[in-house]
Amino acid sequence: MAARNGGRMIGIATGDQWAQAAVSLLRSEWRWELAKLATAAALLSVAFGAIAFFVFRRKTRNPTLVYFGVFCVLYAIRLLIGLTTFQSLFAVGQTIWIYINWIITCTIILPFGLFLYQLANEQLRKLLRWLLTAQTAFAVFGIVAAALGVHLRKLYFANSVLMFATFAAIALFLAAGKWRPDLRQRLSTEFRVFIAGFAIWLVFVVHANLQGLRILAGRNVEFVGFLVFVACLGYISAYRTFANEERLLAISKELEIARRIQSSILPQSVPRLEGLEIAARYSPMSAVAGDFYDFLSIDGSHVGILVADVTGHGVPAALIASMLKIAAAGQAAEAHDPARFLTALNCALCGKFDEHFITAAYLFVDIEKQLLRYAGAGHPPLLLASGGEAKVREIDQNGLMLGMFPEAEYAAVEINFSPGDRCLLYTDGAFEARNSGQEEFGRERLAGFLEIHRDSSADPVSDALLEAIARWSGNARNSAQPAQDDDITLLVVDFKKRTALAER
């Protein structure tokens, strides 16, 4: 009895041990699934954060953030679909999960390769282009082949072989003399971090692929190495993003300085002459521009008005505009003669720049004689609205652009004006502004605008014309994101009746 009882007791004890072992095994599996679930959640959080940062930080968009985010999302999904708890949430057969896992296996290397492409120099990029092309072709082949019923074991074997071949190709490239002994100096900090993280993950990847080839047994712990690698990629993405922001901040500061310098070379006020009212409007496309205007005040009855447009935009055009300011100031002796003024200006500018040229218009006003002298250098014609006529005339007296042909000659035309007349000098941004249908504002509309507003004074007309051009191009002047396609400069010159004292 005792023995029997003892035997039974031994039997019960052995059953308890089996039960405890089963519970222990179940707990181990749960811990393993929770670890993978936590890893997947962390990866998804980091991935969506990176993608959101890319979307909302438009000024510093860095494509590595997107590649990093997609890479993490794909890996996190692959972790999730391998969890029993996750699969139990969906009424889907096991075959679907296996197929989804295979699709991710085929495609996950692509965002990873694109991320690496952003870090590599031009030599390594050539190799990566070939490898990405090969991997893309294999991804298409693998997905189609699986859909057509090819056994996944064979496809996984082919994928493992391709992975090892890819790593071998990169290793051979690095060892083939393409990289000189100064490799350490040529590698950036972010690339070194990438190599360190990749080397750690590679150990786990090799282990996982050896398991896939049934050479090794045990649990697949590749995700542990991947977490280390993700941390390195996250550091690289953040480093590049903040470096871009610092670079953009530095550029913004430099552009602000350039804007202030350019603003300082433009006239701070318009000349105040009896019988003459001048309004100037300057609307650059960006912080700095290639448009320029200036006044050469001779005395109380004579003034020269110069408007010019440098080809191109931004800092290069603004630098040439600064040169134009100096060159124009040096031709003050020729200010009364537009033809000689432009000729001297052209001689001073020729040979100073190669890829740009300048269009310009120069108007000399003699208030005493009620006479205008005008000459142009490849510039849009002067518009003259006469107080006694309904029609606006175009005064087109053009020579060659400035800064290109030293032998260029210019001629001027003389025009009598009367009180009530109005002149408009402008750059091509005024009439080349396009609406949503790609139709230009045109010189005809400029002339029509002057005809309609002939009774308004110079300042209101200038503001209204600038606003009309902005509306035409779908750009409100107070818009946070201007859609202006070119720099715009307007100079409105109104001729008024002089007082008797001034006439004497």
Protein backbone atom coordinates (compact mmCIF):
# COMPACT_ATOMS: atom_id res chain seq x y z
CA MET A 1 0.00 0.00 0.00
CA ALA A 2 2.72 2.26 0.96
CA ALA A 3 4.69 1.28 -2.06
CA ARG A 4 1.62 1.72 -4.11
CA ASN A 5 0.93 4.97 -2.44
CA GLY A 6 4.55 5.82 -2.81
CA GLY A 7 4.38 4.86 -6.43
CA ARG A 8 1.29 6.95 -6.86
CA MET A 9 2.92 9.82 -5.11
CA ILE A 10 5.90 9.51 -7.38
CA GLY A 11 3.55 9.44 -10.36
CA ILE A 12 1.73 12.54 -9.18
CA ALA A 13 4.99 14.33 -8.59
CA THR A 14 6.14 13.49 -12.10
CA GLY A 15 2.86 14.85 -13.55
CA ASP A 16 3.26 18.10 -11.59
CA GLN A 17 6.72 18.50 -12.93
CA TRP A 18 5.39 18.11 -16.45
CA ALA A 19 2.66 20.64 -15.77
CA GLN A 20 5.15 23.10 -14.29
CA ALA A 21 7.42 22.56 -17.28
CA ALA A 22 4.52 23.23 -19.66
CA VAL A 23 3.57 26.40 -17.80
CA SER A 24 7.18 27.51 -17.79
CA LEU A 25 7.39 26.90 -21.53
CA LEU A 26 4.16 28.84 -22.10
CA ARG A 27 5.48 31.75 -20.05
CA SER A 28 8.70 31.68 -22.03
CA GLU A 29 6.75 31.85 -25.30
CA TRP A 30 4.65 34.72 -23.96
CA ARG A 31 7.75 36.64 -22.91
CA TRP A 32 9.21 36.07 -26.35
CA GLU A 33 6.05 37.32 -28.06
CA LEU A 34 5.83 40.33 -25.74
CA ALA A 35 9.44 41.18 -26.53
CA LYS A 36 8.72 41.06 -30.25
CA LEU A 37 5.47 43.00 -29.80
CA ALA A 38 7.26 45.73 -27.85
CA THR A 39 9.97 45.85 -30.52
CA ALA A 40 7.40 46.18 -33.29
CA ALA A 41 5.54 48.94 -31.44
CA ALA A 42 8.77 50.85 -30.87
CA LEU A 43 9.74 50.51 -34.53
CA LEU A 44 6.35 51.72 -35.74
CA SER A 45 6.47 54.72 -33.40
CA VAL A 46 9.93 55.68 -34.59
CA ALA A 47 9.00 55.10 -38.24
CA PHE A 48 5.83 57.20 -38.19
CA GLY A 49 7.67 59.91 -36.27
CA ALA A 50 10.37 60.03 -38.93
CA ILE A 51 7.85 60.15 -41.78
CA ALA A 52 5.81 62.84 -40.02
CA PHE A 53 8.95 64.88 -39.47
CA PHE A 54 9.70 64.62 -43.20
CA VAL A 55 6.16 65.69 -44.15
CA PHE A 56 5.85 68.67 -41.84
CA ARG A 57 9.43 70.00 -42.04
CA ARG A 58 9.15 71.05 -45.66
CA LYS A 59 12.15 73.34 -45.66
CA THR A 60 14.52 70.65 -44.43
CA ARG A 61 13.06 67.56 -46.05
CA ASN A 62 15.59 64.76 -45.91
CA PRO A 63 14.78 61.62 -47.97
CA THR A 64 16.71 59.43 -45.54
CA LEU A 65 13.85 59.96 -43.09
CA VAL A 66 11.37 58.38 -45.50
CA TYR A 67 13.62 55.44 -46.36
CA PHE A 68 14.34 54.93 -42.67
CA GLY A 69 10.63 55.07 -41.82
CA VAL A 70 9.55 52.64 -44.55
CA PHE A 71 12.35 50.26 -43.62
CA CYS A 72 11.23 50.24 -39.98
CA VAL A 73 7.54 49.85 -40.90
CA LEU A 74 8.23 46.81 -43.07
CA TYR A 75 10.36 45.17 -40.41
CA ALA A 76 7.79 45.89 -37.68
CA ILE A 77 5.01 44.37 -39.80
CA ARG A 78 7.12 41.28 -40.37
CA LEU A 79 7.60 40.93 -36.63
CA LEU A 80 3.89 41.36 -35.94
CA ILE A 81 2.60 38.86 -38.47
CA GLY A 82 4.87 36.24 -36.99
CA LEU A 83 3.18 36.53 -33.58
CA THR A 84 0.47 34.04 -32.66
CA THR A 85 -1.38 36.68 -30.65
CA PHE A 86 -1.44 39.08 -33.60
CA GLN A 87 -2.57 36.41 -36.06
CA SER A 88 -5.40 35.43 -33.74
CA LEU A 89 -6.95 38.88 -34.19
CA PHE A 90 -7.72 38.20 -37.85
CA ALA A 91 -9.71 35.41 -39.46
CA VAL A 92 -7.03 34.77 -42.06
CA GLY A 93 -5.40 31.51 -43.01
CA GLN A 94 -1.75 30.82 -42.25
CA THR A 95 -0.95 30.89 -45.96
CA ILE A 96 -1.75 34.60 -46.16
CA TRP A 97 0.65 35.43 -43.32
CA ILE A 98 3.39 33.39 -44.94
CA TYR A 99 2.85 35.16 -48.27
CA ILE A 100 2.87 38.63 -46.64
CA ASN A 101 6.09 37.74 -44.86
CA TRP A 102 7.61 36.72 -48.18
CA ILE A 103 6.57 39.99 -49.85
CA ILE A 104 8.25 41.98 -47.06
CA THR A 105 11.35 39.81 -47.30
CA CYS A 106 11.56 40.62 -51.02
CA THR A 107 11.05 44.38 -50.67
CA ILE A 108 12.62 45.38 -47.35
CA ILE A 109 16.08 45.62 -48.87
CA LEU A 110 14.94 48.41 -51.23
CA PRO A 111 14.38 51.23 -48.68
CA PHE A 112 17.51 50.04 -46.91
CA GLY A 113 19.50 50.32 -50.14
CA LEU A 114 18.07 53.75 -50.88
CA PHE A 115 19.04 54.89 -47.38
CA LEU A 116 22.58 53.68 -47.96
CA TYR A 117 22.58 55.38 -51.37
CA GLN A 118 22.06 58.75 -49.66
CA LEU A 119 25.16 58.22 -47.53
CA ALA A 120 27.49 56.80 -50.18
CA ASN A 121 29.92 58.67 -52.41
CA GLU A 122 29.60 58.58 -56.19
CA GLN A 123 31.80 55.50 -56.63
CA LEU A 124 29.77 53.41 -54.20
CA ARG A 125 26.54 54.77 -55.65
CA LYS A 126 27.37 53.23 -59.02
CA LEU A 127 27.57 49.80 -57.39
CA LEU A 128 24.42 50.42 -55.37
CA ARG A 129 22.45 51.33 -58.48
CA TRP A 130 23.28 47.93 -59.96
CA LEU A 131 22.51 46.13 -56.71
CA LEU A 132 19.19 47.96 -56.27
CA THR A 133 18.25 47.14 -59.84
CA ALA A 134 19.04 43.47 -59.26
CA GLN A 135 17.14 43.40 -55.97
CA THR A 136 14.11 45.11 -57.54
CA ALA A 137 14.10 42.56 -60.34
CA PHE A 138 14.32 39.72 -57.82
CA ALA A 139 11.52 41.23 -55.71
CA VAL A 140 9.20 41.32 -58.71
CA PHE A 141 10.24 37.79 -59.69
CA GLY A 142 9.85 36.46 -56.15
CA ILE A 143 6.38 37.93 -55.60
CA VAL A 144 5.09 36.75 -58.99
CA ALA A 145 6.69 33.31 -58.56
CA ALA A 146 5.08 32.84 -55.13
CA ALA A 147 1.71 33.89 -56.55
CA LEU A 148 2.13 31.30 -59.31
CA GLY A 149 2.74 28.54 -56.75
CA VAL A 150 6.52 28.19 -56.59
CA HIS A 151 7.45 26.67 -53.22
CA LEU A 152 8.57 29.38 -50.77
CA ARG A 153 11.38 27.21 -49.43
CA LYS A 154 13.09 27.45 -52.82
CA LEU A 155 12.44 31.18 -53.00
CA TYR A 156 13.80 31.79 -49.50
CA PHE A 157 16.88 29.81 -50.46
CA ALA A 158 17.34 31.99 -53.55
CA ASN A 159 16.83 35.13 -51.44
CA SER A 160 19.49 33.99 -48.95
CA VAL A 161 21.92 33.34 -51.79
CA LEU A 162 21.19 36.81 -53.24
CA MET A 163 21.74 38.44 -49.85
CA PHE A 164 25.10 36.74 -49.40
CA ALA A 165 26.05 37.66 -52.98
CA THR A 166 25.13 41.31 -52.31
CA PHE A 167 27.26 41.47 -49.17
CA ALA A 168 30.10 39.76 -51.00
CA ALA A 169 29.88 42.26 -53.88
CA ILE A 170 30.09 45.22 -51.50
CA ALA A 171 33.01 43.61 -49.63
CA LEU A 172 34.87 42.93 -52.89
CA PHE A 173 34.22 46.48 -54.05
CA LEU A 174 35.71 47.91 -50.88
CA ALA A 175 38.71 45.62 -51.20
CA ALA A 176 39.27 46.11 -54.93
CA GLY A 177 41.28 49.31 -54.70
CA LYS A 178 38.40 51.71 -55.28
CA TRP A 179 39.08 53.10 -51.82
CA ARG A 180 42.51 54.53 -51.11
CA PRO A 181 44.45 54.26 -47.82
CA ASP A 182 42.88 57.55 -46.76
CA LEU A 183 39.55 55.76 -46.22
CA ARG A 184 39.32 56.87 -42.61
CA GLN A 185 39.57 60.50 -43.61
CA ARG A 186 37.07 60.13 -46.44
CA LEU A 187 34.41 58.38 -44.36
CA SER A 188 31.96 60.75 -42.72
CA THR A 189 30.87 60.31 -39.12
CA GLU A 190 27.42 59.18 -40.19
CA PHE A 191 28.88 56.56 -42.52
CA ARG A 192 31.05 55.18 -39.74
CA VAL A 193 28.01 54.90 -37.49
CA PHE A 194 26.18 53.16 -40.31
CA ILE A 195 29.00 50.64 -40.79
CA ALA A 196 29.17 49.91 -37.05
CA GLY A 197 25.41 49.35 -36.75
CA PHE A 198 25.27 47.37 -39.95
CA ALA A 199 28.13 45.11 -38.86
CA ILE A 200 26.26 44.27 -35.65
CA TRP A 201 23.02 43.59 -37.51
CA LEU A 202 24.87 41.63 -40.17
CA VAL A 203 25.95 39.08 -37.58
CA PHE A 204 22.31 38.49 -36.68
CA VAL A 205 21.23 38.47 -40.35
CA VAL A 206 23.84 35.86 -41.21
CA HIS A 207 22.65 33.80 -38.25
CA ALA A 208 19.03 34.07 -39.45
CA ASN A 209 19.93 33.13 -43.03
CA LEU A 210 21.97 30.15 -41.80
CA GLN A 211 18.86 29.11 -39.90
CA GLY A 212 16.87 29.51 -43.11
CA LEU A 213 19.34 27.19 -44.82
CA ARG A 214 18.91 24.76 -41.89
CA ILE A 215 22.60 24.94 -41.04
CA LEU A 216 21.94 26.34 -37.56
CA ALA A 217 19.09 25.73 -35.13
CA GLY A 218 17.53 27.82 -32.36
CA ARG A 219 15.42 30.96 -32.06
CA ASN A 220 15.60 33.73 -34.65
CA VAL A 221 16.98 36.71 -32.73
CA GLU A 222 17.60 38.89 -35.76
CA PHE A 223 15.31 41.61 -34.37
CA VAL A 224 17.78 42.25 -31.52
CA GLY A 225 20.50 43.16 -33.96
CA PHE A 226 17.99 45.13 -35.97
CA LEU A 227 17.15 47.27 -32.94
CA VAL A 228 20.81 48.18 -32.61
CA PHE A 229 20.96 48.97 -36.30
CA VAL A 230 17.78 51.07 -36.12
CA ALA A 231 19.30 53.10 -33.32
CA CYS A 232 22.27 53.82 -35.58
CA LEU A 233 20.02 54.70 -38.53
CA GLY A 234 17.95 56.95 -36.29
CA TYR A 235 21.08 58.75 -35.21
CA ILE A 236 22.13 59.20 -38.84
CA SER A 237 18.71 60.49 -39.91
CA ALA A 238 18.57 62.93 -37.01
CA TYR A 239 22.15 64.02 -37.65
CA ARG A 240 21.46 64.71 -41.33
CA THR A 241 18.17 66.47 -40.61
CA PHE A 242 19.59 68.80 -37.99
CA ALA A 243 22.70 69.37 -40.10
CA ASN A 244 20.42 70.41 -42.96
CA GLU A 245 18.52 72.73 -40.65
CA GLU A 246 21.75 74.33 -39.45
CA ARG A 247 22.89 74.70 -43.03
CA LEU A 248 19.57 76.27 -44.06
CA LEU A 249 19.70 78.57 -41.05
CA ALA A 250 23.19 79.69 -42.06
CA ILE A 251 22.00 80.23 -45.64
CA SER A 252 18.99 82.18 -44.39
CA LYS A 253 21.24 84.43 -42.35
CA GLU A 254 23.51 84.99 -45.33
CA LEU A 255 20.51 85.74 -47.55
CA GLU A 256 19.19 88.18 -44.99
CA ILE A 257 22.56 89.95 -44.99
CA ALA A 258 22.53 89.94 -48.80
CA ARG A 259 18.97 91.31 -48.77
CA ARG A 260 19.99 94.14 -46.47
CA ILE A 261 23.01 94.94 -48.62
CA GLN A 262 20.90 94.95 -51.77
CA SER A 263 18.26 97.07 -50.07
CA SER A 264 20.96 99.56 -49.16
CA ILE A 265 22.03 99.99 -52.80
CA LEU A 266 18.50 100.84 -53.90
CA PRO A 267 17.35 104.44 -53.50
CA GLN A 268 15.93 105.05 -50.04
CA SER A 269 13.61 107.73 -51.42
CA VAL A 270 12.53 109.15 -54.76
CA PRO A 271 13.65 112.57 -56.00
CA ARG A 272 11.35 115.46 -55.11
CA LEU A 273 11.25 117.84 -58.05
CA GLU A 274 8.76 120.57 -58.78
CA GLY A 275 6.41 119.43 -61.53
CA LEU A 276 7.39 115.77 -61.17
CA GLU A 277 5.95 112.94 -59.10
CA ILE A 278 7.76 109.58 -59.03
CA ALA A 279 6.61 106.32 -57.42
CA ALA A 280 8.84 103.23 -57.26
CA ARG A 281 7.78 99.69 -56.41
CA TYR A 282 10.23 96.82 -56.03
CA SER A 283 8.91 93.26 -55.51
CA PRO A 284 11.67 90.63 -55.57
CA MET A 285 10.86 86.99 -56.28
CA SER A 286 13.17 85.84 -53.47
CA ALA A 287 15.21 87.42 -50.69
CA VAL A 288 17.57 88.95 -53.23
CA ALA A 289 16.88 89.77 -56.86
CA GLY A 290 18.36 90.88 -60.13
CA ASP A 291 16.11 93.90 -60.67
CA PHE A 292 17.64 97.30 -60.07
CA TYR A 293 16.65 100.95 -60.33
CA ASP A 294 18.38 104.21 -59.54
CA PHE A 295 18.07 107.96 -59.91
CA LEU A 296 20.75 110.36 -61.08
CA SER A 297 19.70 113.74 -59.72
CA ILE A 298 21.36 116.57 -61.66
CA ASP A 299 19.58 119.60 -60.23
CA GLY A 300 16.06 120.78 -59.42
CA SER A 301 14.95 120.49 -63.05
CA HIS A 302 16.85 117.50 -64.39
CA VAL A 303 16.91 113.87 -63.31
CA GLY A 304 17.95 110.56 -64.86
CA ILE A 305 15.97 107.37 -64.14
CA LEU A 306 17.53 103.95 -64.68
CA VAL A 307 15.75 100.60 -64.46
CA ALA A 308 17.55 97.33 -65.20
CA ASP A 309 17.02 93.59 -65.05
CA VAL A 310 19.84 91.06 -64.65
CA THR A 311 19.16 87.64 -66.14
CA GLY A 312 18.62 84.94 -63.53
CA HIS A 313 17.59 85.23 -59.93
CA GLY A 314 19.02 85.04 -56.45
CA VAL A 315 22.49 85.90 -55.22
CA PRO A 316 24.39 85.85 -58.57
CA ALA A 317 21.93 88.28 -60.14
CA ALA A 318 21.99 90.45 -57.02
CA LEU A 319 25.80 90.64 -57.11
CA ILE A 320 25.70 91.84 -60.71
CA ALA A 321 23.03 94.38 -59.76
CA SER A 322 25.46 95.70 -57.13
CA MET A 323 28.11 96.04 -59.84
CA LEU A 324 25.57 97.93 -61.93
CA LYS A 325 25.05 100.40 -59.08
CA ILE A 326 28.75 101.24 -59.00
CA ALA A 327 29.04 101.39 -62.78
CA ALA A 328 26.01 103.72 -63.08
CA ALA A 329 27.37 106.07 -60.42
CA GLY A 330 30.56 106.37 -62.46
CA GLN A 331 28.69 107.62 -65.52
CA ALA A 332 27.12 110.69 -63.91
CA ALA A 333 28.86 112.94 -66.47
CA GLU A 334 26.81 111.30 -69.24
CA ALA A 335 23.50 111.42 -67.35
CA HIS A 336 21.97 114.01 -69.70
CA ASP A 337 22.52 111.81 -72.78
CA PRO A 338 20.87 108.35 -72.55
CA ALA A 339 22.71 106.97 -75.59
CA ARG A 340 26.15 107.90 -74.26
CA PHE A 341 25.13 106.85 -70.75
CA LEU A 342 24.21 103.30 -71.86
CA THR A 343 27.29 103.08 -74.09
CA ALA A 344 29.58 103.99 -71.20
CA LEU A 345 27.70 101.64 -68.88
CA ASN A 346 28.08 98.77 -71.35
CA CYS A 347 31.82 99.36 -71.69
CA ALA A 348 32.20 99.37 -67.91
CA LEU A 349 30.34 96.05 -67.55
CA CYS A 350 31.69 94.04 -70.47
CA GLY A 351 34.06 91.29 -69.42
CA LYS A 352 32.92 91.33 -65.78
CA PHE A 353 30.63 88.28 -66.09
CA ASP A 354 30.13 85.48 -68.61
CA GLU A 355 26.79 83.76 -68.10
CA HIS A 356 24.59 86.79 -67.49
CA PHE A 357 23.54 89.94 -69.27
CA ILE A 358 21.52 93.02 -68.35
CA THR A 359 18.56 94.69 -69.99
CA ALA A 360 18.16 98.34 -69.08
CA ALA A 361 16.15 101.44 -69.85
CA TYR A 362 17.28 104.98 -69.12
CA LEU A 363 15.02 108.04 -69.09
CA PHE A 364 16.35 111.58 -68.74
CA VAL A 365 13.77 114.19 -67.73
CA ASP A 366 14.27 117.88 -68.50
CA ILE A 367 11.46 119.64 -66.65
CA GLU A 368 12.38 123.13 -67.89
CA LYS A 369 12.11 122.18 -71.56
CA GLN A 370 9.37 119.59 -70.93
CA LEU A 371 11.54 117.10 -72.78
CA LEU A 372 12.27 113.40 -72.34
CA ARG A 373 15.28 111.56 -73.71
CA TYR A 374 14.99 107.79 -73.70
CA ALA A 375 17.19 104.85 -74.68
CA GLY A 376 16.98 101.13 -74.01
CA ALA A 377 19.26 98.10 -74.01
CA GLY A 378 17.14 95.05 -74.83
CA HIS A 379 14.52 96.25 -72.36
CA PRO A 380 10.70 96.29 -72.58
CA PRO A 381 9.47 99.57 -74.13
CA LEU A 382 8.58 102.65 -72.15
CA LEU A 383 4.83 103.24 -71.82
CA LEU A 384 3.71 106.85 -72.22
CA ALA A 385 0.15 107.87 -71.36
CA SER A 386 -0.67 111.37 -72.61
CA GLY A 387 -3.18 113.41 -70.67
CA GLY A 388 -4.92 114.60 -73.85
CA GLU A 389 -5.03 111.22 -75.61
CA ALA A 390 -6.90 108.05 -74.81
CA LYS A 391 -4.18 105.81 -76.27
CA VAL A 392 -1.05 104.72 -74.39
CA ARG A 393 2.05 104.75 -76.60
CA GLU A 394 4.99 102.35 -76.52
CA ILE A 395 8.38 104.05 -76.88
CA ASP A 396 10.75 101.36 -78.13
CA GLN A 397 14.30 102.61 -78.70
CA ASN A 398 16.46 99.55 -78.04
CA GLY A 399 20.04 98.49 -78.51
CA LEU A 400 21.84 95.32 -77.45
CA MET A 401 21.86 94.02 -73.90
CA LEU A 402 24.50 95.38 -71.55
CA GLY A 403 27.62 93.44 -70.63
CA MET A 404 27.92 91.23 -73.72
CA PHE A 405 29.15 93.26 -76.70
CA PRO A 406 31.82 95.95 -76.10
CA GLU A 407 31.20 97.46 -79.54
CA ALA A 408 27.44 97.90 -79.00
CA GLU A 409 26.04 101.33 -79.82
CA TYR A 410 22.89 102.96 -78.50
CA ALA A 411 20.61 105.70 -79.76
CA ALA A 412 18.16 107.90 -77.89
CA VAL A 413 14.79 109.34 -78.82
CA GLU A 414 13.46 112.74 -77.70
CA ILE A 415 9.83 113.15 -76.64
CA ASN A 416 7.98 116.27 -75.56
CA PHE A 417 5.67 115.87 -72.61
CA SER A 418 2.89 117.98 -71.15
CA PRO A 419 1.46 118.28 -67.65
CA GLY A 420 -0.87 115.34 -67.08
CA ASP A 421 1.31 112.87 -68.98
CA ARG A 422 2.57 109.69 -67.31
CA CYS A 423 5.47 107.31 -67.98
CA LEU A 424 5.82 103.72 -66.83
CA LEU A 425 9.20 102.00 -66.65
CA TYR A 426 9.11 98.34 -65.64
CA THR A 427 10.89 94.99 -65.80
CA ASP A 428 9.61 91.95 -67.66
CA GLY A 429 8.27 90.34 -64.47
CA ALA A 430 5.37 92.80 -64.66
CA PHE A 431 3.91 91.60 -67.95
CA GLU A 432 5.22 88.00 -67.96
CA ALA A 433 3.25 87.08 -64.83
CA ARG A 434 1.08 84.07 -65.72
CA ASN A 435 -2.32 82.98 -64.47
CA SER A 436 -3.45 79.39 -63.88
CA GLY A 437 -4.06 79.01 -67.63
CA GLN A 438 -0.45 80.05 -68.36
CA GLU A 439 -1.64 83.27 -69.99
CA GLU A 440 0.64 86.27 -69.52
CA PHE A 441 -0.53 89.54 -68.03
CA GLY A 442 0.95 91.19 -71.13
CA ARG A 443 1.93 94.70 -72.09
CA GLU A 444 -1.55 95.33 -73.45
CA ARG A 445 -3.02 94.95 -69.96
CA LEU A 446 -0.31 97.23 -68.57
CA ALA A 447 -1.29 99.88 -71.12
CA GLY A 448 -4.99 99.31 -70.44
CA PHE A 449 -4.39 99.68 -66.72
CA LEU A 450 -2.74 103.08 -67.29
CA GLU A 451 -5.66 104.19 -69.44
CA ILE A 452 -8.23 103.22 -66.81
CA HIS A 453 -6.32 104.82 -63.91
CA ARG A 454 -5.12 107.97 -65.65
CA ASP A 455 -6.77 110.19 -63.03
CA SER A 456 -5.06 108.55 -60.02
CA SER A 457 -1.75 109.80 -58.70
CA ALA A 458 1.51 107.88 -59.00
CA ASP A 459 1.60 106.09 -55.62
CA PRO A 460 -1.96 104.66 -55.69
CA VAL A 461 -1.49 103.59 -59.32
CA SER A 462 1.75 101.78 -58.47
CA ASP A 463 0.14 99.90 -55.57
CA ALA A 464 -2.96 99.04 -57.59
CA LEU A 465 -0.90 97.79 -60.55
CA LEU A 466 1.26 95.59 -58.34
CA GLU A 467 -1.89 94.18 -56.73
CA ALA A 468 -3.51 93.56 -60.13
CA ILE A 469 -0.45 91.59 -61.28
CA ALA A 470 -0.51 89.59 -58.04
CA ARG A 471 -4.19 88.74 -58.47
CA TRP A 472 -3.60 87.74 -62.08
CA SER A 473 -0.93 85.23 -61.07
CA GLY A 474 -3.05 83.93 -58.18
CA ASN A 475 -0.78 85.44 -55.58
CA ALA A 476 -2.12 87.79 -52.93
CA ARG A 477 0.57 90.19 -51.83
CA ASN A 478 0.05 89.19 -48.19
CA SER A 479 0.24 85.45 -48.98
CA ALA A 480 2.49 83.38 -46.74
CA GLN A 481 3.70 81.42 -49.78
CA PRO A 482 4.15 83.72 -52.75
CA ALA A 483 3.76 82.26 -56.22
CA GLN A 484 5.65 85.07 -57.97
CA ASP A 485 7.69 83.75 -60.90
CA ASP A 486 9.99 86.73 -61.45
CA ASP A 487 11.21 89.95 -59.90
CA ILE A 488 8.96 92.95 -60.54
CA THR A 489 10.00 96.60 -60.59
CA LEU A 490 7.67 99.47 -61.45
CA LEU A 491 8.54 103.16 -61.83
CA VAL A 492 5.62 105.53 -62.43
CA VAL A 493 6.58 109.08 -63.46
CA ASP A 494 3.84 111.74 -63.48
CA PHE A 495 4.34 115.18 -64.99
CA LYS A 496 2.56 117.92 -63.07
CA LYS A 497 2.00 121.60 -63.77
CA ARG A 498 4.71 123.71 -62.19
CA THR A 499 3.94 126.73 -60.04
CA ALA A 500 4.65 130.18 -61.37
CA LEU A 501 7.52 130.60 -58.90
CA ALA A 502 9.13 127.40 -60.07
CA GLU A 503 8.73 128.38 -63.72
CA ARG A 504 10.50 131.68 -63.08
